[in-house]
Amino acid sequence: KAIDAKAIEYGISYNRFMHVGNQKEEGIKWL
């Protein structure tokens, strides 16, 4: 969240992702 805020502060193009494919379960990172 601090990284998100820093990206907004500097006004850079930014994205964050977590999931592999279509599997979305809260709190789990899939490899």
Full PDB file with SEQRES, HELIX, SHEET, SSBOND, CRYST1, ORIGX, SCALE, CONECT and MASTER records, all heavy atoms in Angstrom:
SEQRES   1 A   31  LYS ALA ILE ASP ALA LYS ALA ILE GLU TYR GLY ILE SER          
SEQRES   2 A   31  TYR ASN ARG PHE MET HIS VAL GLY ASN GLN LYS GLU GLU          
SEQRES   3 A   31  GLY ILE LYS TRP LEU                                          
HELIX    1 AA1 ALA A    2  TYR A   10  1                                   9    
CRYST1    1.000    1.000    1.000  90.00  90.00  90.00 P 1           1          
ORIGX1      1.000000  0.000000  0.000000        0.00000                         
ORIGX2      0.000000  1.000000  0.000000        0.00000                         
ORIGX3      0.000000  0.000000  1.000000        0.00000                         
SCALE1      1.000000  0.000000  0.000000        0.00000                         
SCALE2      0.000000  1.000000  0.000000        0.00000                         
SCALE3      0.000000  0.000000  1.000000        0.00000                         
ATOM      1  N   LYS A   1       0.827  -1.202   0.000  1.00  0.00           N  
ATOM      2  CA  LYS A   1       0.000   0.000   0.000  1.00  0.00           C  
ATOM      3  C   LYS A   1       0.861   1.252   0.000  1.00  0.00           C  
ATOM      4  O   LYS A   1       0.517   2.265  -0.627  1.00  0.00           O  
ATOM      5  CB  LYS A   1      -0.952  -0.013   1.201  1.00  0.00           C  
ATOM      6  CG  LYS A   1      -2.048  -1.054   1.075  1.00  0.00           C  
ATOM      7  CD  LYS A   1      -3.041  -0.961   2.230  1.00  0.00           C  
ATOM      8  CE  LYS A   1      -4.159  -1.990   2.049  1.00  0.00           C  
ATOM      9  NZ  LYS A   1      -5.147  -1.937   3.164  1.00  0.00           N  
ATOM     10  N   ALA A   2       1.997   1.188   0.672  1.00  0.00           N  
ATOM     11  CA  ALA A   2       2.926   2.324   0.660  1.00  0.00           C  
ATOM     12  C   ALA A   2       3.533   2.500  -0.730  1.00  0.00           C  
ATOM     13  O   ALA A   2       3.772   3.634  -1.179  1.00  0.00           O  
ATOM     14  CB  ALA A   2       4.027   2.121   1.701  1.00  0.00           C  
ATOM     15  N   ILE A   3       3.779   1.389  -1.421  1.00  0.00           N  
ATOM     16  CA  ILE A   3       4.273   1.461  -2.796  1.00  0.00           C  
ATOM     17  C   ILE A   3       3.221   2.082  -3.700  1.00  0.00           C  
ATOM     18  O   ILE A   3       3.530   2.940  -4.542  1.00  0.00           O  
ATOM     19  CB  ILE A   3       4.677   0.057  -3.293  1.00  0.00           C  
ATOM     20  CG1 ILE A   3       5.874  -0.465  -2.502  1.00  0.00           C  
ATOM     21  CG2 ILE A   3       4.995   0.088  -4.798  1.00  0.00           C  
ATOM     22  CD1 ILE A   3       6.217  -1.915  -2.798  1.00  0.00           C  
ATOM     23  N   ASP A   4       1.961   1.675  -3.502  1.00  0.00           N  
ATOM     24  CA  ASP A   4       0.865   2.270  -4.272  1.00  0.00           C  
ATOM     25  C   ASP A   4       0.843   3.787  -4.082  1.00  0.00           C  
ATOM     26  O   ASP A   4       0.700   4.553  -5.037  1.00  0.00           O  
ATOM     27  CB  ASP A   4      -0.485   1.694  -3.830  1.00  0.00           C  
ATOM     28  CG  ASP A   4      -0.608   0.190  -4.079  1.00  0.00           C  
ATOM     29  OD1 ASP A   4       0.219  -0.362  -4.827  1.00  0.00           O  
ATOM     30  OD2 ASP A   4      -1.540  -0.416  -3.514  1.00  0.00           O  
ATOM     31  N   ALA A   5       0.972   4.210  -2.831  1.00  0.00           N  
ATOM     32  CA  ALA A   5       0.922   5.642  -2.519  1.00  0.00           C  
ATOM     33  C   ALA A   5       2.103   6.383  -3.145  1.00  0.00           C  
ATOM     34  O   ALA A   5       1.954   7.521  -3.638  1.00  0.00           O  
ATOM     35  CB  ALA A   5       0.915   5.841  -1.005  1.00  0.00           C  
ATOM     36  N   LYS A   6       3.254   5.760  -3.128  1.00  0.00           N  
ATOM     37  CA  LYS A   6       4.438   6.397  -3.717  1.00  0.00           C  
ATOM     38  C   LYS A   6       4.276   6.548  -5.235  1.00  0.00           C  
ATOM     39  O   LYS A   6       4.675   7.574  -5.808  1.00  0.00           O  
ATOM     40  CB  LYS A   6       5.673   5.555  -3.401  1.00  0.00           C  
ATOM     41  CG  LYS A   6       7.003   6.226  -3.707  1.00  0.00           C  
ATOM     42  CD  LYS A   6       7.222   7.453  -2.859  1.00  0.00           C  
ATOM     43  CE  LYS A   6       7.336   7.146  -1.381  1.00  0.00           C  
ATOM     44  NZ  LYS A   6       7.604   8.375  -0.589  1.00  0.00           N  
ATOM     45  N   ALA A   7       3.690   5.568  -5.874  1.00  0.00           N  
ATOM     46  CA  ALA A   7       3.447   5.671  -7.315  1.00  0.00           C  
ATOM     47  C   ALA A   7       2.505   6.831  -7.624  1.00  0.00           C  
ATOM     48  O   ALA A   7       2.695   7.569  -8.594  1.00  0.00           O  
ATOM     49  CB  ALA A   7       2.869   4.359  -7.837  1.00  0.00           C  
ATOM     50  N   ILE A   8       1.483   6.999  -6.778  1.00  0.00           N  
ATOM     51  CA  ILE A   8       0.554   8.117  -6.963  1.00  0.00           C  
ATOM     52  C   ILE A   8       1.265   9.447  -6.722  1.00  0.00           C  
ATOM     53  O   ILE A   8       1.093  10.423  -7.460  1.00  0.00           O  
ATOM     54  CB  ILE A   8      -0.652   7.973  -6.006  1.00  0.00           C  
ATOM     55  CG1 ILE A   8      -1.482   6.742  -6.412  1.00  0.00           C  
ATOM     56  CG2 ILE A   8      -1.510   9.232  -6.015  1.00  0.00           C  
ATOM     57  CD1 ILE A   8      -2.572   6.386  -5.421  1.00  0.00           C  
ATOM     58  N   GLU A   9       2.102   9.497  -5.695  1.00  0.00           N  
ATOM     59  CA  GLU A   9       2.839  10.719  -5.362  1.00  0.00           C  
ATOM     60  C   GLU A   9       3.710  11.197  -6.527  1.00  0.00           C  
ATOM     61  O   GLU A   9       3.741  12.388  -6.837  1.00  0.00           O  
ATOM     62  CB  GLU A   9       3.707  10.468  -4.134  1.00  0.00           C  
ATOM     63  CG  GLU A   9       4.586  11.644  -3.739  1.00  0.00           C  
ATOM     64  CD  GLU A   9       5.554  11.295  -2.614  1.00  0.00           C  
ATOM     65  OE1 GLU A   9       5.298  10.310  -1.876  1.00  0.00           O  
ATOM     66  OE2 GLU A   9       6.580  11.999  -2.481  1.00  0.00           O  
ATOM     67  N   TYR A  10       4.380  10.243  -7.189  1.00  0.00           N  
ATOM     68  CA  TYR A  10       5.264  10.617  -8.291  1.00  0.00           C  
ATOM     69  C   TYR A  10       4.527  10.695  -9.630  1.00  0.00           C  
ATOM     70  O   TYR A  10       5.100  11.133 -10.628  1.00  0.00           O  
ATOM     71  CB  TYR A  10       6.428   9.631  -8.389  1.00  0.00           C  
ATOM     72  CG  TYR A  10       7.556   9.956  -7.436  1.00  0.00           C  
ATOM     73  CD1 TYR A  10       7.564   9.437  -6.142  1.00  0.00           C  
ATOM     74  CD2 TYR A  10       8.597  10.799  -7.810  1.00  0.00           C  
ATOM     75  CE1 TYR A  10       8.585   9.735  -5.249  1.00  0.00           C  
ATOM     76  CE2 TYR A  10       9.628  11.104  -6.927  1.00  0.00           C  
ATOM     77  CZ  TYR A  10       9.616  10.574  -5.652  1.00  0.00           C  
ATOM     78  OH  TYR A  10      10.622  10.883  -4.771  1.00  0.00           O  
ATOM     79  N   GLY A  11       3.289  10.240  -9.643  1.00  0.00           N  
ATOM     80  CA  GLY A  11       2.505  10.321 -10.866  1.00  0.00           C  
ATOM     81  C   GLY A  11       3.019   9.433 -11.983  1.00  0.00           C  
ATOM     82  O   GLY A  11       2.975   9.803 -13.161  1.00  0.00           O  
ATOM     83  N   ILE A  12       3.502   8.246 -11.613  1.00  0.00           N  
ATOM     84  CA  ILE A  12       4.027   7.340 -12.635  1.00  0.00           C  
ATOM     85  C   ILE A  12       2.935   6.376 -13.096  1.00  0.00           C  
ATOM     86  O   ILE A  12       1.937   6.159 -12.409  1.00  0.00           O  
ATOM     87  CB  ILE A  12       5.240   6.531 -12.115  1.00  0.00           C  
ATOM     88  CG1 ILE A  12       4.800   5.575 -11.001  1.00  0.00           C  
ATOM     89  CG2 ILE A  12       6.347   7.449 -11.648  1.00  0.00           C  
ATOM     90  CD1 ILE A  12       5.863   4.556 -10.635  1.00  0.00           C  
ATOM     91  N   SER A  13       3.141   5.786 -14.266  1.00  0.00           N  
ATOM     92  CA  SER A  13       2.252   4.725 -14.742  1.00  0.00           C  
ATOM     93  C   SER A  13       2.564   3.472 -13.942  1.00  0.00           C  
ATOM     94  O   SER A  13       3.723   3.046 -13.862  1.00  0.00           O  
ATOM     95  CB  SER A  13       2.475   4.468 -16.236  1.00  0.00           C  
ATOM     96  OG  SER A  13       2.190   5.616 -16.985  1.00  0.00           O  
ATOM     97  N   TYR A  14       1.541   2.886 -13.335  1.00  0.00           N  
ATOM     98  CA  TYR A  14       1.784   1.852 -12.324  1.00  0.00           C  
ATOM     99  C   TYR A  14       0.657   0.829 -12.323  1.00  0.00           C  
ATOM    100  O   TYR A  14      -0.509   1.164 -12.541  1.00  0.00           O  
ATOM    101  CB  TYR A  14       1.877   2.534 -10.958  1.00  0.00           C  
ATOM    102  CG  TYR A  14       1.913   1.616  -9.765  1.00  0.00           C  
ATOM    103  CD1 TYR A  14       3.054   0.884  -9.455  1.00  0.00           C  
ATOM    104  CD2 TYR A  14       0.808   1.497  -8.922  1.00  0.00           C  
ATOM    105  CE1 TYR A  14       3.095   0.055  -8.337  1.00  0.00           C  
ATOM    106  CE2 TYR A  14       0.829   0.676  -7.803  1.00  0.00           C  
ATOM    107  CZ  TYR A  14       1.975  -0.039  -7.511  1.00  0.00           C  
ATOM    108  OH  TYR A  14       2.019  -0.864  -6.413  1.00  0.00           O  
ATOM    109  N   ASN A  15       1.028  -0.415 -12.063  1.00  0.00           N  
ATOM    110  CA  ASN A  15       0.029  -1.468 -11.918  1.00  0.00           C  
ATOM    111  C   ASN A  15       0.578  -2.506 -10.953  1.00  0.00           C  
ATOM    112  O   ASN A  15       1.791  -2.648 -10.788  1.00  0.00           O  
ATOM    113  CB  ASN A  15      -0.290  -2.109 -13.269  1.00  0.00           C  
ATOM    114  CG  ASN A  15      -1.557  -2.949 -13.230  1.00  0.00           C  
ATOM    115  OD1 ASN A  15      -2.304  -2.928 -12.262  1.00  0.00           O  
ATOM    116  ND2 ASN A  15      -1.798  -3.697 -14.296  1.00  0.00           N  
ATOM    117  N   ARG A  16      -0.319  -3.216 -10.322  1.00  0.00           N  
ATOM    118  CA  ARG A  16       0.069  -4.261  -9.393  1.00  0.00           C  
ATOM    119  C   ARG A  16      -0.838  -5.461  -9.618  1.00  0.00           C  
ATOM    120  O   ARG A  16      -2.042  -5.308  -9.794  1.00  0.00           O  
ATOM    121  CB  ARG A  16      -0.064  -3.753  -7.962  1.00  0.00           C  
ATOM    122  CG  ARG A  16       0.396  -4.750  -6.906  1.00  0.00           C  
ATOM    123  CD  ARG A  16       0.863  -4.031  -5.644  1.00  0.00           C  
ATOM    124  NE  ARG A  16      -0.159  -3.279  -4.951  1.00  0.00           N  
ATOM    125  CZ  ARG A  16      -0.958  -3.791  -4.004  1.00  0.00           C  
ATOM    126  NH1 ARG A  16      -0.880  -5.077  -3.700  1.00  0.00           N  
ATOM    127  NH2 ARG A  16      -1.835  -3.033  -3.393  1.00  0.00           N  
ATOM    128  N   PHE A  17      -0.254  -6.651  -9.626  1.00  0.00           N  
ATOM    129  CA  PHE A  17      -1.081  -7.837  -9.791  1.00  0.00           C  
ATOM    130  C   PHE A  17      -0.577  -8.951  -8.891  1.00  0.00           C  
ATOM    131  O   PHE A  17       0.544  -8.919  -8.406  1.00  0.00           O  
ATOM    132  CB  PHE A  17      -1.141  -8.286 -11.253  1.00  0.00           C  
ATOM    133  CG  PHE A  17       0.100  -8.961 -11.751  1.00  0.00           C  
ATOM    134  CD1 PHE A  17       0.231 -10.341 -11.704  1.00  0.00           C  
ATOM    135  CD2 PHE A  17       1.151  -8.229 -12.281  1.00  0.00           C  
ATOM    136  CE1 PHE A  17       1.374 -10.974 -12.171  1.00  0.00           C  
ATOM    137  CE2 PHE A  17       2.298  -8.849 -12.739  1.00  0.00           C  
ATOM    138  CZ  PHE A  17       2.410 -10.212 -12.686  1.00  0.00           C  
ATOM    139  N   MET A  18      -1.438  -9.950  -8.738  1.00  0.00           N  
ATOM    140  CA  MET A  18      -1.129 -11.021  -7.788  1.00  0.00           C  
ATOM    141  C   MET A  18      -1.348 -12.407  -8.355  1.00  0.00           C  
ATOM    142  O   MET A  18      -0.656 -13.338  -8.021  1.00  0.00           O  
ATOM    143  CB  MET A  18      -1.979 -10.860  -6.528  1.00  0.00           C  
ATOM    144  CG  MET A  18      -1.730 -11.904  -5.451  1.00  0.00           C  
ATOM    145  SD  MET A  18      -2.607 -11.492  -3.939  1.00  0.00           S  
ATOM    146  CE  MET A  18      -2.078 -12.817  -2.869  1.00  0.00           C  
ATOM    147  N   HIS A  19      -2.335 -12.554  -9.249  1.00  0.00           N  
ATOM    148  CA  HIS A  19      -2.831 -13.885  -9.579  1.00  0.00           C  
ATOM    149  C   HIS A  19      -2.281 -14.407 -10.896  1.00  0.00           C  
ATOM    150  O   HIS A  19      -1.939 -13.658 -11.793  1.00  0.00           O  
ATOM    151  CB  HIS A  19      -4.358 -13.881  -9.624  1.00  0.00           C  
ATOM    152  CG  HIS A  19      -4.971 -13.341  -8.367  1.00  0.00           C  
ATOM    153  ND1 HIS A  19      -4.989 -14.042  -7.191  1.00  0.00           N  
ATOM    154  CD2 HIS A  19      -5.572 -12.150  -8.105  1.00  0.00           C  
ATOM    155  CE1 HIS A  19      -5.572 -13.324  -6.246  1.00  0.00           C  
ATOM    156  NE2 HIS A  19      -5.937 -12.173  -6.769  1.00  0.00           N  
ATOM    157  N   VAL A  20      -2.246 -15.713 -11.001  1.00  0.00           N  
ATOM    158  CA  VAL A  20      -1.898 -16.407 -12.229  1.00  0.00           C  
ATOM    159  C   VAL A  20      -3.180 -16.903 -12.875  1.00  0.00           C  
ATOM    160  O   VAL A  20      -4.015 -17.516 -12.220  1.00  0.00           O  
ATOM    161  CB  VAL A  20      -0.957 -17.598 -11.953  1.00  0.00           C  
ATOM    162  CG1 VAL A  20      -0.857 -18.494 -13.171  1.00  0.00           C  
ATOM    163  CG2 VAL A  20       0.429 -17.091 -11.558  1.00  0.00           C  
ATOM    164  N   GLY A  21      -3.322 -16.663 -14.179  1.00  0.00           N  
ATOM    165  CA  GLY A  21      -4.499 -17.152 -14.883  1.00  0.00           C  
ATOM    166  C   GLY A  21      -5.768 -16.525 -14.333  1.00  0.00           C  
ATOM    167  O   GLY A  21      -5.808 -15.358 -13.979  1.00  0.00           O  
ATOM    168  N   ASN A  22      -6.830 -17.312 -14.201  1.00  0.00           N  
ATOM    169  CA  ASN A  22      -8.118 -16.822 -13.731  1.00  0.00           C  
ATOM    170  C   ASN A  22      -8.402 -17.191 -12.279  1.00  0.00           C  
ATOM    171  O   ASN A  22      -9.501 -17.007 -11.795  1.00  0.00           O  
ATOM    172  CB  ASN A  22      -9.244 -17.379 -14.621  1.00  0.00           C  
ATOM    173  CG  ASN A  22      -9.145 -16.852 -16.026  1.00  0.00           C  
ATOM    174  OD1 ASN A  22      -8.766 -15.716 -16.220  1.00  0.00           O  
ATOM    175  ND2 ASN A  22      -9.471 -17.682 -16.999  1.00  0.00           N  
ATOM    176  N   GLN A  23      -7.401 -17.731 -11.590  1.00  0.00           N  
ATOM    177  CA  GLN A  23      -7.618 -18.164 -10.211  1.00  0.00           C  
ATOM    178  C   GLN A  23      -7.472 -16.982  -9.265  1.00  0.00           C  
ATOM    179  O   GLN A  23      -6.418 -16.367  -9.188  1.00  0.00           O  
ATOM    180  CB  GLN A  23      -6.613 -19.265  -9.842  1.00  0.00           C  
ATOM    181  CG  GLN A  23      -6.682 -20.489 -10.737  1.00  0.00           C  
ATOM    182  CD  GLN A  23      -8.017 -21.192 -10.611  1.00  0.00           C  
ATOM    183  OE1 GLN A  23      -8.654 -21.157  -9.563  1.00  0.00           O  
ATOM    184  NE2 GLN A  23      -8.446 -21.853 -11.671  1.00  0.00           N  
ATOM    185  N   LYS A  24      -8.519 -16.634  -8.564  1.00  0.00           N  
ATOM    186  CA  LYS A  24      -8.496 -15.502  -7.648  1.00  0.00           C  
ATOM    187  C   LYS A  24      -9.043 -15.933  -6.289  1.00  0.00           C  
ATOM    188  O   LYS A  24     -10.236 -16.129  -6.126  1.00  0.00           O  
ATOM    189  CB  LYS A  24      -9.309 -14.338  -8.208  1.00  0.00           C  
ATOM    190  CG  LYS A  24      -8.722 -13.748  -9.476  1.00  0.00           C  
ATOM    191  CD  LYS A  24      -9.466 -12.499  -9.908  1.00  0.00           C  
ATOM    192  CE  LYS A  24      -8.845 -11.905 -11.152  1.00  0.00           C  
ATOM    193  NZ  LYS A  24      -9.547 -10.674 -11.588  1.00  0.00           N  
ATOM    194  N   GLU A  25      -8.150 -16.090  -5.326  1.00  0.00           N  
ATOM    195  CA  GLU A  25      -8.538 -16.393  -3.965  1.00  0.00           C  
ATOM    196  C   GLU A  25      -7.827 -15.401  -3.057  1.00  0.00           C  
ATOM    197  O   GLU A  25      -6.619 -15.205  -3.153  1.00  0.00           O  
ATOM    198  CB  GLU A  25      -8.163 -17.835  -3.597  1.00  0.00           C  
ATOM    199  CG  GLU A  25      -8.919 -18.882  -4.415  1.00  0.00           C  
ATOM    200  CD  GLU A  25      -8.538 -20.299  -4.009  1.00  0.00           C  
ATOM    201  OE1 GLU A  25      -8.255 -20.517  -2.822  1.00  0.00           O  
ATOM    202  OE2 GLU A  25      -8.528 -21.166  -4.894  1.00  0.00           O  
ATOM    203  N   GLU A  26      -8.572 -14.748  -2.200  1.00  0.00           N  
ATOM    204  CA  GLU A  26      -8.037 -13.674  -1.383  1.00  0.00           C  
ATOM    205  C   GLU A  26      -6.843 -14.145  -0.562  1.00  0.00           C  
ATOM    206  O   GLU A  26      -6.891 -15.157   0.126  1.00  0.00           O  
ATOM    207  CB  GLU A  26      -9.126 -13.138  -0.449  1.00  0.00           C  
ATOM    208  CG  GLU A  26      -8.764 -11.833   0.229  1.00  0.00           C  
ATOM    209  CD  GLU A  26      -8.600 -10.699  -0.763  1.00  0.00           C  
ATOM    210  OE1 GLU A  26      -9.306 -10.713  -1.789  1.00  0.00           O  
ATOM    211  OE2 GLU A  26      -7.776  -9.824  -0.498  1.00  0.00           O  
ATOM    212  N   GLY A  27      -5.747 -13.398  -0.639  1.00  0.00           N  
ATOM    213  CA  GLY A  27      -4.581 -13.675   0.190  1.00  0.00           C  
ATOM    214  C   GLY A  27      -3.664 -14.758  -0.323  1.00  0.00           C  
ATOM    215  O   GLY A  27      -2.673 -15.076   0.327  1.00  0.00           O  
ATOM    216  N   ILE A  28      -3.964 -15.335  -1.482  1.00  0.00           N  
ATOM    217  CA  ILE A  28      -3.125 -16.420  -2.012  1.00  0.00           C  
ATOM    218  C   ILE A  28      -2.442 -15.962  -3.294  1.00  0.00           C  
ATOM    219  O   ILE A  28      -3.068 -15.384  -4.175  1.00  0.00           O  
ATOM    220  CB  ILE A  28      -3.956 -17.687  -2.300  1.00  0.00           C  
ATOM    221  CG1 ILE A  28      -4.544 -18.234  -0.997  1.00  0.00           C  
ATOM    222  CG2 ILE A  28      -3.098 -18.761  -2.967  1.00  0.00           C  
ATOM    223  CD1 ILE A  28      -5.444 -19.437  -1.197  1.00  0.00           C  
ATOM    224  N   LYS A  29      -1.147 -16.183  -3.371  1.00  0.00           N  
ATOM    225  CA  LYS A  29      -0.400 -15.925  -4.596  1.00  0.00           C  
ATOM    226  C   LYS A  29      -0.147 -17.262  -5.275  1.00  0.00           C  
ATOM    227  O   LYS A  29       0.399 -18.195  -4.687  1.00  0.00           O  
ATOM    228  CB  LYS A  29       0.927 -15.234  -4.280  1.00  0.00           C  
ATOM    229  CG  LYS A  29       1.932 -15.244  -5.422  1.00  0.00           C  
ATOM    230  CD  LYS A  29       1.469 -14.441  -6.606  1.00  0.00           C  
ATOM    231  CE  LYS A  29       2.500 -14.509  -7.731  1.00  0.00           C  
ATOM    232  NZ  LYS A  29       2.032 -13.870  -8.953  1.00  0.00           N  
ATOM    233  N   TRP A  30      -0.566 -17.350  -6.534  1.00  0.00           N  
ATOM    234  CA  TRP A  30      -0.384 -18.579  -7.297  1.00  0.00           C  
ATOM    235  C   TRP A  30       0.808 -18.449  -8.223  1.00  0.00           C  
ATOM    236  O   TRP A  30       1.034 -17.420  -8.834  1.00  0.00           O  
ATOM    237  CB  TRP A  30      -1.636 -18.886  -8.118  1.00  0.00           C  
ATOM    238  CG  TRP A  30      -2.835 -19.208  -7.292  1.00  0.00           C  
ATOM    239  CD1 TRP A  30      -3.885 -18.384  -7.019  1.00  0.00           C  
ATOM    240  CD2 TRP A  30      -3.114 -20.433  -6.627  1.00  0.00           C  
ATOM    241  NE1 TRP A  30      -4.800 -19.011  -6.216  1.00  0.00           N  
ATOM    242  CE2 TRP A  30      -4.357 -20.280  -5.965  1.00  0.00           C  
ATOM    243  CE3 TRP A  30      -2.444 -21.649  -6.518  1.00  0.00           C  
ATOM    244  CZ2 TRP A  30      -4.927 -21.294  -5.205  1.00  0.00           C  
ATOM    245  CZ3 TRP A  30      -3.030 -22.664  -5.767  1.00  0.00           C  
ATOM    246  CH2 TRP A  30      -4.244 -22.487  -5.122  1.00  0.00           C  
ATOM    247  N   LEU A  31       1.583 -19.510  -8.310  1.00  0.00           N  
ATOM    248  CA  LEU A  31       2.685 -19.611  -9.256  1.00  0.00           C  
ATOM    249  C   LEU A  31       2.338 -20.685 -10.274  1.00  0.00           C  
ATOM    250  O   LEU A  31       1.399 -21.452 -10.102  1.00  0.00           O  
ATOM    251  CB  LEU A  31       3.979 -19.996  -8.521  1.00  0.00           C  
ATOM    252  CG  LEU A  31       4.405 -19.094  -7.361  1.00  0.00           C  
ATOM    253  CD1 LEU A  31       5.609 -19.705  -6.662  1.00  0.00           C  
ATOM    254  CD2 LEU A  31       4.719 -17.691  -7.850  1.00  0.00           C  
TER     255      LEU A  31                                                      
MASTER        0    0    0    1    0    0    0    6  254    1    0    3          
END                                                                             
